[in-house]
């Protein structure tokens, strides 16, 4: 099962200017023993963060929203994504070029 998590907080100035509500997005893979968050750090670095199922509720208290995604997860990509939205789109196989911000991805997945 795949969840896509949206956060309202970030440290990057240009993201605060360009994005309205949601400012970060990360795919989350749910396994039997816990969850793995694929956190976009920079163009060349994706961090894997292992958490437990109950930690998703704690993240919700800190402003994260989660959407269940019913698609395949493709962790190996040939292209290097520039931001977290492109990373999530490539990992989930979404090919809509008009999705550029976390808000537009959130609206696309809620349809």
PDB file of N, CA and C in Angstrom:
ATOM      1  N   UNK A   1       0.850  -1.165   0.000  1.00  0.00           N
ATOM      2  CA  UNK A   1       0.000   0.000   0.000  1.00  0.00           C
ATOM      3  C   UNK A   1       0.899   1.232   0.000  1.00  0.00           C
ATOM      4  N   UNK A   2       0.476   2.255  -0.718  1.00  0.00           N
ATOM      5  CA  UNK A   2       1.237   3.497  -0.832  1.00  0.00           C
ATOM      6  C   UNK A   2       0.396   4.650  -0.315  1.00  0.00           C
ATOM      7  N   UNK A   3       0.992   5.465   0.525  1.00  0.00           N
ATOM      8  CA  UNK A   3       0.401   6.735   0.931  1.00  0.00           C
ATOM      9  C   UNK A   3       1.294   7.845   0.400  1.00  0.00           C
ATOM     10  N   UNK A   4       0.688   8.948   0.072  1.00  0.00           N
ATOM     11  CA  UNK A   4       1.446  10.127  -0.304  1.00  0.00           C
ATOM     12  C   UNK A   4       1.168  11.178   0.761  1.00  0.00           C
ATOM     13  N   UNK A   5       2.235  11.601   1.424  1.00  0.00           N
ATOM     14  CA  UNK A   5       2.109  12.552   2.519  1.00  0.00           C
ATOM     15  C   UNK A   5       2.412  13.969   2.077  1.00  0.00           C
ATOM     16  N   UNK A   6       1.585  14.905   2.513  1.00  0.00           N
ATOM     17  CA  UNK A   6       1.739  16.321   2.188  1.00  0.00           C
ATOM     18  C   UNK A   6       1.971  17.098   3.473  1.00  0.00           C
ATOM     19  N   UNK A   7       2.985  17.961   3.452  1.00  0.00           N
ATOM     20  CA  UNK A   7       3.329  18.753   4.626  1.00  0.00           C
ATOM     21  C   UNK A   7       3.156  20.240   4.331  1.00  0.00           C
ATOM     22  N   UNK A   8       2.843  20.999   5.382  1.00  0.00           N
ATOM     23  CA  UNK A   8       2.671  22.439   5.238  1.00  0.00           C
ATOM     24  C   UNK A   8       3.908  23.205   5.659  1.00  0.00           C
ATOM     25  N   UNK A   9       4.967  22.502   6.062  1.00  0.00           N
ATOM     26  CA  UNK A   9       6.154  23.174   6.585  1.00  0.00           C
ATOM     27  C   UNK A   9       7.378  22.888   5.724  1.00  0.00           C
ATOM     28  N   UNK A  10       8.261  23.892   5.618  1.00  0.00           N
ATOM     29  CA  UNK A  10       9.520  23.747   4.910  1.00  0.00           C
ATOM     30  C   UNK A  10      10.503  24.799   5.389  1.00  0.00           C
ATOM     31  N   UNK A  11      11.777  24.572   5.117  1.00  0.00           N
ATOM     32  CA  UNK A  11      12.799  25.540   5.464  1.00  0.00           C
ATOM     33  C   UNK A  11      13.265  26.350   4.262  1.00  0.00           C
ATOM     34  N   UNK A  12      12.879  25.963   3.074  1.00  0.00           N
ATOM     35  CA  UNK A  12      13.375  26.613   1.865  1.00  0.00           C
ATOM     36  C   UNK A  12      12.550  27.842   1.529  1.00  0.00           C
ATOM     37  N   UNK A  13      13.233  28.949   1.287  1.00  0.00           N
ATOM     38  CA  UNK A  13      12.576  30.232   1.057  1.00  0.00           C
ATOM     39  C   UNK A  13      11.787  30.248  -0.243  1.00  0.00           C
ATOM     40  N   UNK A  14      12.365  29.742  -1.334  1.00  0.00           N
ATOM     41  CA  UNK A  14      11.662  29.792  -2.613  1.00  0.00           C
ATOM     42  C   UNK A  14      10.405  28.933  -2.605  1.00  0.00           C
ATOM     43  N   UNK A  15      10.403  27.864  -1.818  1.00  0.00           N
ATOM     44  CA  UNK A  15       9.209  27.027  -1.712  1.00  0.00           C
ATOM     45  C   UNK A  15       8.110  27.774  -0.957  1.00  0.00           C
ATOM     46  N   UNK A  16       8.484  28.526   0.063  1.00  0.00           N
ATOM     47  CA  UNK A  16       7.497  29.322   0.797  1.00  0.00           C
ATOM     48  C   UNK A  16       6.848  30.371  -0.096  1.00  0.00           C
ATOM     49  N   UNK A  17       7.595  30.892  -1.054  1.00  0.00           N
ATOM     50  CA  UNK A  17       7.067  31.915  -1.959  1.00  0.00           C
ATOM     51  C   UNK A  17       6.170  31.293  -3.027  1.00  0.00           C
ATOM     52  N   UNK A  18       6.598  30.169  -3.620  1.00  0.00           N
ATOM     53  CA  UNK A  18       5.880  29.588  -4.755  1.00  0.00           C
ATOM     54  C   UNK A  18       4.666  28.742  -4.366  1.00  0.00           C
ATOM     55  N   UNK A  19       4.747  28.049  -3.260  1.00  0.00           N
ATOM     56  CA  UNK A  19       3.677  27.126  -2.887  1.00  0.00           C
ATOM     57  C   UNK A  19       2.745  27.788  -1.875  1.00  0.00           C
ATOM     58  N   UNK A  20       1.458  27.554  -2.041  1.00  0.00           N
ATOM     59  CA  UNK A  20       0.489  28.208  -1.172  1.00  0.00           C
ATOM     60  C   UNK A  20       0.262  27.470   0.134  1.00  0.00           C
ATOM     61  N   UNK A  21      -0.379  26.319   0.077  1.00  0.00           N
ATOM     62  CA  UNK A  21      -0.716  25.608   1.313  1.00  0.00           C
ATOM     63  C   UNK A  21       0.282  24.492   1.605  1.00  0.00           C
ATOM     64  N   UNK A  22       0.276  23.452   0.764  1.00  0.00           N
ATOM     65  CA  UNK A  22       1.206  22.345   0.961  1.00  0.00           C
ATOM     66  C   UNK A  22       2.555  22.722   0.354  1.00  0.00           C
ATOM     67  N   UNK A  23       3.622  22.391   1.093  1.00  0.00           N
ATOM     68  CA  UNK A  23       4.943  22.823   0.655  1.00  0.00           C
ATOM     69  C   UNK A  23       5.928  21.671   0.468  1.00  0.00           C
ATOM     70  N   UNK A  24       5.521  20.475   0.837  1.00  0.00           N
ATOM     71  CA  UNK A  24       6.397  19.318   0.657  1.00  0.00           C
ATOM     72  C   UNK A  24       5.537  18.075   0.469  1.00  0.00           C
ATOM     73  N   UNK A  25       6.054  17.125  -0.293  1.00  0.00           N
ATOM     74  CA  UNK A  25       5.337  15.882  -0.542  1.00  0.00           C
ATOM     75  C   UNK A  25       6.338  14.729  -0.518  1.00  0.00           C
ATOM     76  N   UNK A  26       5.893  13.575   0.003  1.00  0.00           N
ATOM     77  CA  UNK A  26       6.766  12.398   0.087  1.00  0.00           C
ATOM     78  C   UNK A  26       5.915  11.135  -0.016  1.00  0.00           C
ATOM     79  N   UNK A  27       6.354  10.161  -0.838  1.00  0.00           N
ATOM     80  CA  UNK A  27       5.652   8.876  -0.885  1.00  0.00           C
ATOM     81  C   UNK A  27       6.024   8.015   0.314  1.00  0.00           C
ATOM     82  N   UNK A  28       5.047   7.257   0.812  1.00  0.00           N
ATOM     83  CA  UNK A  28       5.238   6.407   1.985  1.00  0.00           C
ATOM     84  C   UNK A  28       4.773   5.004   1.636  1.00  0.00           C
ATOM     85  N   UNK A  29       5.666   4.021   1.798  1.00  0.00           N
ATOM     86  CA  UNK A  29       5.348   2.623   1.536  1.00  0.00           C
ATOM     87  C   UNK A  29       5.022   1.961   2.864  1.00  0.00           C
ATOM     88  N   UNK A  30       3.875   1.299   2.934  1.00  0.00           N
ATOM     89  CA  UNK A  30       3.446   0.612   4.157  1.00  0.00           C
ATOM     90  C   UNK A  30       3.767  -0.867   4.007  1.00  0.00           C
ATOM     91  N   UNK A  31       4.516  -1.398   4.979  1.00  0.00           N
ATOM     92  CA  UNK A  31       4.866  -2.815   5.015  1.00  0.00           C
ATOM     93  C   UNK A  31       4.278  -3.446   6.266  1.00  0.00           C
ATOM     94  N   UNK A  32       4.542  -4.728   6.469  1.00  0.00           N
ATOM     95  CA  UNK A  32       4.034  -5.421   7.650  1.00  0.00           C
ATOM     96  C   UNK A  32       4.652  -4.881   8.936  1.00  0.00           C
ATOM     97  N   UNK A  33       5.917  -4.525   8.877  1.00  0.00           N
ATOM     98  CA  UNK A  33       6.651  -4.155  10.081  1.00  0.00           C
ATOM     99  C   UNK A  33       6.696  -2.650  10.334  1.00  0.00           C
ATOM    100  N   UNK A  34       6.265  -1.845   9.388  1.00  0.00           N
ATOM    101  CA  UNK A  34       6.309  -0.396   9.565  1.00  0.00           C
ATOM    102  C   UNK A  34       6.120   0.322   8.250  1.00  0.00           C
ATOM    103  N   UNK A  35       6.608   1.526   8.186  1.00  0.00           N
ATOM    104  CA  UNK A  35       6.474   2.349   6.986  1.00  0.00           C
ATOM    105  C   UNK A  35       7.839   2.881   6.589  1.00  0.00           C
ATOM    106  N   UNK A  36       8.012   3.126   5.293  1.00  0.00           N
ATOM    107  CA  UNK A  36       9.246   3.711   4.780  1.00  0.00           C
ATOM    108  C   UNK A  36       8.875   4.991   4.048  1.00  0.00           C
ATOM    109  N   UNK A  37       9.438   6.112   4.491  1.00  0.00           N
ATOM    110  CA  UNK A  37       9.217   7.395   3.830  1.00  0.00           C
ATOM    111  C   UNK A  37      10.399   7.648   2.906  1.00  0.00           C
ATOM    112  N   UNK A  38      10.110   7.922   1.642  1.00  0.00           N
ATOM    113  CA  UNK A  38      11.140   8.291   0.679  1.00  0.00           C
ATOM    114  C   UNK A  38      11.201   9.817   0.658  1.00  0.00           C
ATOM    115  N   UNK A  39      12.120  10.381   1.415  1.00  0.00           N
ATOM    116  CA  UNK A  39      12.223  11.816   1.620  1.00  0.00           C
ATOM    117  C   UNK A  39      13.191  12.415   0.599  1.00  0.00           C
ATOM    118  N   UNK A  40      12.711  13.367  -0.211  1.00  0.00           N
ATOM    119  CA  UNK A  40      13.560  14.061  -1.165  1.00  0.00           C
ATOM    120  C   UNK A  40      14.393  15.094  -0.418  1.00  0.00           C
ATOM    121  N   UNK A  41      15.717  14.986  -0.509  1.00  0.00           N
ATOM    122  CA  UNK A  41      16.618  15.909   0.182  1.00  0.00           C
ATOM    123  C   UNK A  41      17.242  16.882  -0.802  1.00  0.00           C
ATOM    124  N   UNK A  42      17.821  16.368  -1.873  1.00  0.00           N
ATOM    125  CA  UNK A  42      18.398  17.206  -2.919  1.00  0.00           C
ATOM    126  C   UNK A  42      18.323  16.436  -4.226  1.00  0.00           C
ATOM    127  N   UNK A  43      18.849  17.042  -5.288  1.00  0.00           N
ATOM    128  CA  UNK A  43      18.744  16.432  -6.607  1.00  0.00           C
ATOM    129  C   UNK A  43      19.411  15.056  -6.672  1.00  0.00           C
ATOM    130  N   UNK A  44      20.450  14.850  -5.887  1.00  0.00           N
ATOM    131  CA  UNK A  44      21.176  13.588  -5.936  1.00  0.00           C
ATOM    132  C   UNK A  44      20.919  12.692  -4.726  1.00  0.00           C
ATOM    133  N   UNK A  45      20.035  13.115  -3.831  1.00  0.00           N
ATOM    134  CA  UNK A  45      19.892  12.356  -2.588  1.00  0.00           C
ATOM    135  C   UNK A  45      18.431  12.181  -2.186  1.00  0.00           C
ATOM    136  N   UNK A  46      18.044  10.931  -1.997  1.00  0.00           N
ATOM    137  CA  UNK A  46      16.734  10.560  -1.476  1.00  0.00           C
ATOM    138  C   UNK A  46      16.995   9.767  -0.188  1.00  0.00           C
ATOM    139  N   UNK A  47      16.436  10.219   0.917  1.00  0.00           N
ATOM    140  CA  UNK A  47      16.628   9.539   2.203  1.00  0.00           C
ATOM    141  C   UNK A  47      15.486   8.577   2.462  1.00  0.00           C
ATOM    142  N   UNK A  48      15.823   7.418   2.990  1.00  0.00           N
ATOM    143  CA  UNK A  48      14.820   6.443   3.407  1.00  0.00           C
ATOM    144  C   UNK A  48      14.687   6.549   4.918  1.00  0.00           C
ATOM    145  N   UNK A  49      13.479   6.847   5.372  1.00  0.00           N
ATOM    146  CA  UNK A  49      13.211   6.989   6.803  1.00  0.00           C
ATOM    147  C   UNK A  49      12.235   5.894   7.206  1.00  0.00           C
ATOM    148  N   UNK A  50      12.633   5.056   8.141  1.00  0.00           N
ATOM    149  CA  UNK A  50      11.776   3.978   8.615  1.00  0.00           C
ATOM    150  C   UNK A  50      11.046   4.439   9.872  1.00  0.00           C
ATOM    151  N   UNK A  51       9.717   4.309   9.845  1.00  0.00           N
ATOM    152  CA  UNK A  51       8.892   4.669  10.994  1.00  0.00           C
ATOM    153  C   UNK A  51       7.899   3.545  11.256  1.00  0.00           C
ATOM    154  N   UNK A  52       7.187   3.636  12.350  1.00  0.00           N
ATOM    155  CA  UNK A  52       6.151   2.658  12.683  1.00  0.00           C
ATOM    156  C   UNK A  52       4.783   3.206  12.279  1.00  0.00           C
ATOM    157  N   UNK A  53       3.784   2.332  12.288  1.00  0.00           N
ATOM    158  CA  UNK A  53       2.438   2.733  11.869  1.00  0.00           C
ATOM    159  C   UNK A  53       1.865   3.836  12.754  1.00  0.00           C
ATOM    160  N   UNK A  54       2.147   3.792  14.031  1.00  0.00           N
ATOM    161  CA  UNK A  54       1.600   4.800  14.934  1.00  0.00           C
ATOM    162  C   UNK A  54       2.231   6.172  14.708  1.00  0.00           C
ATOM    163  N   UNK A  55       3.413   6.217  14.088  1.00  0.00           N
ATOM    164  CA  UNK A  55       4.076   7.489  13.825  1.00  0.00           C
ATOM    165  C   UNK A  55       3.356   8.310  12.745  1.00  0.00           C
ATOM    166  N   UNK A  56       2.556   7.645  11.912  1.00  0.00           N
ATOM    167  CA  UNK A  56       1.763   8.385  10.922  1.00  0.00           C
ATOM    168  C   UNK A  56       0.735   9.283  11.614  1.00  0.00           C
ATOM    169  N   UNK A  57       0.169   8.812  12.705  1.00  0.00           N
ATOM    170  CA  UNK A  57      -0.768   9.638  13.479  1.00  0.00           C
ATOM    171  C   UNK A  57      -0.064  10.838  14.103  1.00  0.00           C
ATOM    172  N   UNK A  58       1.172  10.638  14.536  1.00  0.00           N
ATOM    173  CA  UNK A  58       1.946  11.749  15.099  1.00  0.00           C
ATOM    174  C   UNK A  58       2.254  12.778  14.012  1.00  0.00           C
ATOM    175  N   UNK A  59       2.580  12.305  12.810  1.00  0.00           N
ATOM    176  CA  UNK A  59       2.831  13.229  11.706  1.00  0.00           C
ATOM    177  C   UNK A  59       1.575  14.033  11.350  1.00  0.00           C
ATOM    178  N   UNK A  60       0.404  13.407  11.456  1.00  0.00           N
ATOM    179  CA  UNK A  60      -0.845  14.134  11.206  1.00  0.00           C
ATOM    180  C   UNK A  60      -1.043  15.275  12.203  1.00  0.00           C
ATOM    181  N   UNK A  61      -0.614  15.075  13.427  1.00  0.00           N
ATOM    182  CA  UNK A  61      -0.719  16.138  14.424  1.00  0.00           C
ATOM    183  C   UNK A  61       0.187  17.328  14.099  1.00  0.00           C
ATOM    184  N   UNK A  62       1.258  17.077  13.355  1.00  0.00           N
ATOM    185  CA  UNK A  62       2.194  18.128  12.992  1.00  0.00           C
ATOM    186  C   UNK A  62       1.915  18.719  11.611  1.00  0.00           C
ATOM    187  N   UNK A  63       0.724  18.506  11.069  1.00  0.00           N
ATOM    188  CA  UNK A  63       0.333  19.171   9.832  1.00  0.00           C
ATOM    189  C   UNK A  63       0.430  18.347   8.561  1.00  0.00           C
ATOM    190  N   UNK A  64       0.753  17.069   8.645  1.00  0.00           N
ATOM    191  CA  UNK A  64       0.810  16.221   7.451  1.00  0.00           C
ATOM    192  C   UNK A  64      -0.580  15.713   7.115  1.00  0.00           C
ATOM    193  N   UNK A  65      -0.862  15.593   5.822  1.00  0.00           N
ATOM    194  CA  UNK A  65      -2.087  14.962   5.327  1.00  0.00           C
ATOM    195  C   UNK A  65      -1.673  13.808   4.426  1.00  0.00           C
ATOM    196  N   UNK A  66      -2.433  12.718   4.475  1.00  0.00           N
ATOM    197  CA  UNK A  66      -2.083  11.524   3.723  1.00  0.00           C
ATOM    198  C   UNK A  66      -3.214  11.138   2.782  1.00  0.00           C
ATOM    199  N   UNK A  67      -2.819  10.734   1.578  1.00  0.00           N
ATOM    200  CA  UNK A  67      -3.766  10.245   0.576  1.00  0.00           C
ATOM    201  C   UNK A  67      -3.313   8.851   0.169  1.00  0.00           C
ATOM    202  N   UNK A  68      -4.261   7.928   0.120  1.00  0.00           N
ATOM    203  CA  UNK A  68      -3.965   6.562  -0.324  1.00  0.00           C
ATOM    204  C   UNK A  68      -3.886   6.566  -1.849  1.00  0.00           C
ATOM    205  N   UNK A  69      -2.820   5.982  -2.381  1.00  0.00           N
ATOM    206  CA  UNK A  69      -2.615   5.933  -3.832  1.00  0.00           C
ATOM    207  C   UNK A  69      -2.632   4.475  -4.271  1.00  0.00           C
ATOM    208  N   UNK A  70      -3.459   4.180  -5.273  1.00  0.00           N
ATOM    209  CA  UNK A  70      -3.616   2.804  -5.746  1.00  0.00           C
ATOM    210  C   UNK A  70      -2.840   2.594  -7.048  1.00  0.00           C
ATOM    211  N   UNK A  71      -1.572   2.761  -6.999  1.00  0.00           N
ATOM    212  CA  UNK A  71      -0.745   2.565  -8.184  1.00  0.00           C
ATOM    213  C   UNK A  71       0.526   1.832  -7.817  1.00  0.00           C
ATOM    214  N   UNK A  72       1.383   1.645  -8.818  1.00  0.00           N
ATOM    215  CA  UNK A  72       2.656   0.988  -8.582  1.00  0.00           C
ATOM    216  C   UNK A  72       3.672   1.997  -8.072  1.00  0.00           C
ATOM    217  N   UNK A  73       4.593   1.531  -7.264  1.00  0.00           N
ATOM    218  CA  UNK A  73       5.685   2.364  -6.788  1.00  0.00           C
ATOM    219  C   UNK A  73       6.946   1.972  -7.532  1.00  0.00           C
ATOM    220  N   UNK A  74       7.598   2.930  -8.178  1.00  0.00           N
ATOM    221  CA  UNK A  74       8.789   2.688  -8.982  1.00  0.00           C
ATOM    222  C   UNK A  74       9.945   3.470  -8.360  1.00  0.00           C
ATOM    223  N   UNK A  75      10.720   2.868  -7.457  1.00  0.00           N
ATOM    224  CA  UNK A  75      11.765   3.636  -6.779  1.00  0.00           C
ATOM    225  C   UNK A  75      12.982   3.952  -7.635  1.00  0.00           C
ATOM    226  N   UNK A  76      13.253   3.177  -8.694  1.00  0.00           N
ATOM    227  CA  UNK A  76      14.414   3.421  -9.549  1.00  0.00           C
ATOM    228  C   UNK A  76      14.001   4.248 -10.752  1.00  0.00           C
ATOM    229  N   UNK A  77      14.598   5.435 -10.884  1.00  0.00           N
ATOM    230  CA  UNK A  77      14.290   6.285 -12.022  1.00  0.00           C
ATOM    231  C   UNK A  77      15.550   6.592 -12.814  1.00  0.00           C
ATOM    232  N   UNK A  78      15.356   6.829 -14.099  1.00  0.00           N
ATOM    233  CA  UNK A  78      16.497   7.193 -14.934  1.00  0.00           C
ATOM    234  C   UNK A  78      16.755   8.698 -14.867  1.00  0.00           C
ATOM    235  N   UNK A  79      15.703   9.491 -14.740  1.00  0.00           N
ATOM    236  CA  UNK A  79      15.859  10.942 -14.655  1.00  0.00           C
ATOM    237  C   UNK A  79      16.119  11.356 -13.212  1.00  0.00           C
ATOM    238  N   UNK A  80      16.867  12.427 -13.051  1.00  0.00           N
ATOM    239  CA  UNK A  80      17.100  12.986 -11.719  1.00  0.00           C
ATOM    240  C   UNK A  80      16.043  14.060 -11.458  1.00  0.00           C
ATOM    241  N   UNK A  81      15.164  13.848 -10.501  1.00  0.00           N
ATOM    242  CA  UNK A  81      14.139  14.859 -10.216  1.00  0.00           C
ATOM    243  C   UNK A  81      14.752  16.098  -9.565  1.00  0.00           C
ATOM    244  N   UNK A  82      14.130  17.247  -9.829  1.00  0.00           N
ATOM    245  CA  UNK A  82      14.630  18.517  -9.323  1.00  0.00           C
ATOM    246  C   UNK A  82      13.993  18.871  -7.983  1.00  0.00           C
ATOM    247  N   UNK A  83      12.759  18.438  -7.765  1.00  0.00           N
ATOM    248  CA  UNK A  83      12.076  18.759  -6.504  1.00  0.00           C
ATOM    249  C   UNK A  83      11.258  17.560  -6.036  1.00  0.00           C
ATOM    250  N   UNK A  84      10.635  17.726  -4.879  1.00  0.00           N
ATOM    251  CA  UNK A  84       9.912  16.615  -4.258  1.00  0.00           C
ATOM    252  C   UNK A  84       8.674  16.211  -5.069  1.00  0.00           C
ATOM    253  N   UNK A  85       8.068  17.150  -5.759  1.00  0.00           N
ATOM    254  CA  UNK A  85       6.876  16.823  -6.559  1.00  0.00           C
ATOM    255  C   UNK A  85       7.265  15.954  -7.750  1.00  0.00           C
ATOM    256  N   UNK A  86       8.351  16.307  -8.431  1.00  0.00           N
ATOM    257  CA  UNK A  86       8.801  15.486  -9.558  1.00  0.00           C
ATOM    258  C   UNK A  86       9.228  14.097  -9.099  1.00  0.00           C
ATOM    259  N   UNK A  87       9.875  14.015  -7.936  1.00  0.00           N
ATOM    260  CA  UNK A  87      10.276  12.710  -7.392  1.00  0.00           C
ATOM    261  C   UNK A  87       9.042  11.849  -7.131  1.00  0.00           C
ATOM    262  N   UNK A  88       8.018  12.414  -6.508  1.00  0.00           N
ATOM    263  CA  UNK A  88       6.822  11.656  -6.183  1.00  0.00           C
ATOM    264  C   UNK A  88       6.073  11.252  -7.452  1.00  0.00           C
ATOM    265  N   UNK A  89       5.995  12.150  -8.420  1.00  0.00           N
ATOM    266  CA  UNK A  89       5.340  11.819  -9.688  1.00  0.00           C
ATOM    267  C   UNK A  89       6.055  10.676 -10.397  1.00  0.00           C
ATOM    268  N   UNK A  90       7.382  10.721 -10.454  1.00  0.00           N
ATOM    269  CA  UNK A  90       8.135   9.651 -11.105  1.00  0.00           C
ATOM    270  C   UNK A  90       8.004   8.338 -10.345  1.00  0.00           C
ATOM    271  N   UNK A  91       8.049   8.392  -9.025  1.00  0.00           N
ATOM    272  CA  UNK A  91       7.959   7.172  -8.224  1.00  0.00           C
ATOM    273  C   UNK A  91       6.586   6.520  -8.331  1.00  0.00           C
ATOM    274  N   UNK A  92       5.541   7.320  -8.501  1.00  0.00           N
ATOM    275  CA  UNK A  92       4.185   6.775  -8.586  1.00  0.00           C
ATOM    276  C   UNK A  92       3.718   6.588 -10.028  1.00  0.00           C
ATOM    277  N   UNK A  93       4.502   7.002 -11.005  1.00  0.00           N
ATOM    278  CA  UNK A  93       4.146   6.808 -12.402  1.00  0.00           C
ATOM    279  C   UNK A  93       3.127   7.799 -12.929  1.00  0.00           C
ATOM    280  N   UNK A  94       3.051   8.978 -12.357  1.00  0.00           N
ATOM    281  CA  UNK A  94       2.134  10.022 -12.818  1.00  0.00           C
ATOM    282  C   UNK A  94       2.861  10.843 -13.870  1.00  0.00           C
ATOM    283  N   UNK A  95       2.263  10.990 -15.058  1.00  0.00           N
ATOM    284  CA  UNK A  95       2.947  11.657 -16.163  1.00  0.00           C
ATOM    285  C   UNK A  95       2.292  12.959 -16.587  1.00  0.00           C
ATOM    286  N   UNK A  96       1.519  13.570 -15.732  1.00  0.00           N
ATOM    287  CA  UNK A  96       0.877  14.842 -16.044  1.00  0.00           C
ATOM    288  C   UNK A  96       1.895  15.967 -15.881  1.00  0.00           C
ATOM    289  N   UNK A  97       2.203  16.679 -16.977  1.00  0.00           N
ATOM    290  CA  UNK A  97       3.243  17.713 -16.920  1.00  0.00           C
ATOM    291  C   UNK A  97       2.753  19.000 -16.270  1.00  0.00           C
ATOM    292  N   UNK A  98       1.465  19.151 -16.077  1.00  0.00           N
ATOM    293  CA  UNK A  98       0.926  20.373 -15.488  1.00  0.00           C
ATOM    294  C   UNK A  98       0.979  20.362 -13.962  1.00  0.00           C
ATOM    295  N   UNK A  99       1.342  19.251 -13.377  1.00  0.00           N
ATOM    296  CA  UNK A  99       1.472  19.172 -11.920  1.00  0.00           C
ATOM    297  C   UNK A  99       2.890  19.608 -11.558  1.00  0.00           C
ATOM    298  N   UNK A 100       3.016  20.773 -10.918  1.00  0.00           N
ATOM    299  CA  UNK A 100       4.325  21.309 -10.564  1.00  0.00           C
ATOM    300  C   UNK A 100       4.462  21.655  -9.084  1.00  0.00           C
ATOM    301  N   UNK A 101       3.365  21.744  -8.352  1.00  0.00           N
ATOM    302  CA  UNK A 101       3.412  22.091  -6.931  1.00  0.00           C
ATOM    303  C   UNK A 101       2.713  20.999  -6.117  1.00  0.00           C
ATOM    304  N   UNK A 102       2.980  20.928  -4.822  1.00  0.00           N
ATOM    305  CA  UNK A 102       2.286  19.951  -3.987  1.00  0.00           C
ATOM    306  C   UNK A 102       0.770  20.179  -3.962  1.00  0.00           C
ATOM    307  N   UNK A 103       0.318  21.438  -4.062  1.00  0.00           N
ATOM    308  CA  UNK A 103      -1.118  21.705  -4.093  1.00  0.00           C
ATOM    309  C   UNK A 103      -1.778  21.101  -5.325  1.00  0.00           C
ATOM    310  N   UNK A 104      -1.141  21.238  -6.483  1.00  0.00           N
ATOM    311  CA  UNK A 104      -1.726  20.677  -7.708  1.00  0.00           C
ATOM    312  C   UNK A 104      -1.700  19.151  -7.677  1.00  0.00           C
ATOM    313  N   UNK A 105      -0.672  18.552  -7.082  1.00  0.00           N
ATOM    314  CA  UNK A 105      -0.650  17.099  -6.934  1.00  0.00           C
ATOM    315  C   UNK A 105      -1.739  16.628  -5.986  1.00  0.00           C
ATOM    316  N   UNK A 106      -1.973  17.366  -4.908  1.00  0.00           N
ATOM    317  CA  UNK A 106      -3.031  17.038  -3.960  1.00  0.00           C
ATOM    318  C   UNK A 106      -4.401  17.081  -4.642  1.00  0.00           C
ATOM    319  N   UNK A 107      -4.651  18.115  -5.444  1.00  0.00           N
ATOM    320  CA  UNK A 107      -5.932  18.222  -6.169  1.00  0.00           C
ATOM    321  C   UNK A 107      -6.077  17.104  -7.185  1.00  0.00           C
ATOM    322  N   UNK A 108      -4.997  16.748  -7.876  1.00  0.00           N
ATOM    323  CA  UNK A 108      -5.024  15.670  -8.866  1.00  0.00           C
ATOM    324  C   UNK A 108      -5.357  14.332  -8.227  1.00  0.00           C
ATOM    325  N   UNK A 109      -4.780  14.052  -7.069  1.00  0.00           N
ATOM    326  CA  UNK A 109      -5.007  12.770  -6.409  1.00  0.00           C
ATOM    327  C   UNK A 109      -6.370  12.708  -5.718  1.00  0.00           C
ATOM    328  N   UNK A 110      -6.957  13.830  -5.397  1.00  0.00           N
ATOM    329  CA  UNK A 110      -8.281  13.831  -4.756  1.00  0.00           C
ATOM    330  C   UNK A 110      -9.404  13.656  -5.753  1.00  0.00           C
ATOM    331  N   UNK A 111      -9.153  13.733  -7.044  1.00  0.00           N
ATOM    332  CA  UNK A 111     -10.199  13.551  -8.045  1.00  0.00           C
ATOM    333  C   UNK A 111     -10.670  12.124  -8.092  1.00  0.00           C
TER     334      UNK A 111
END
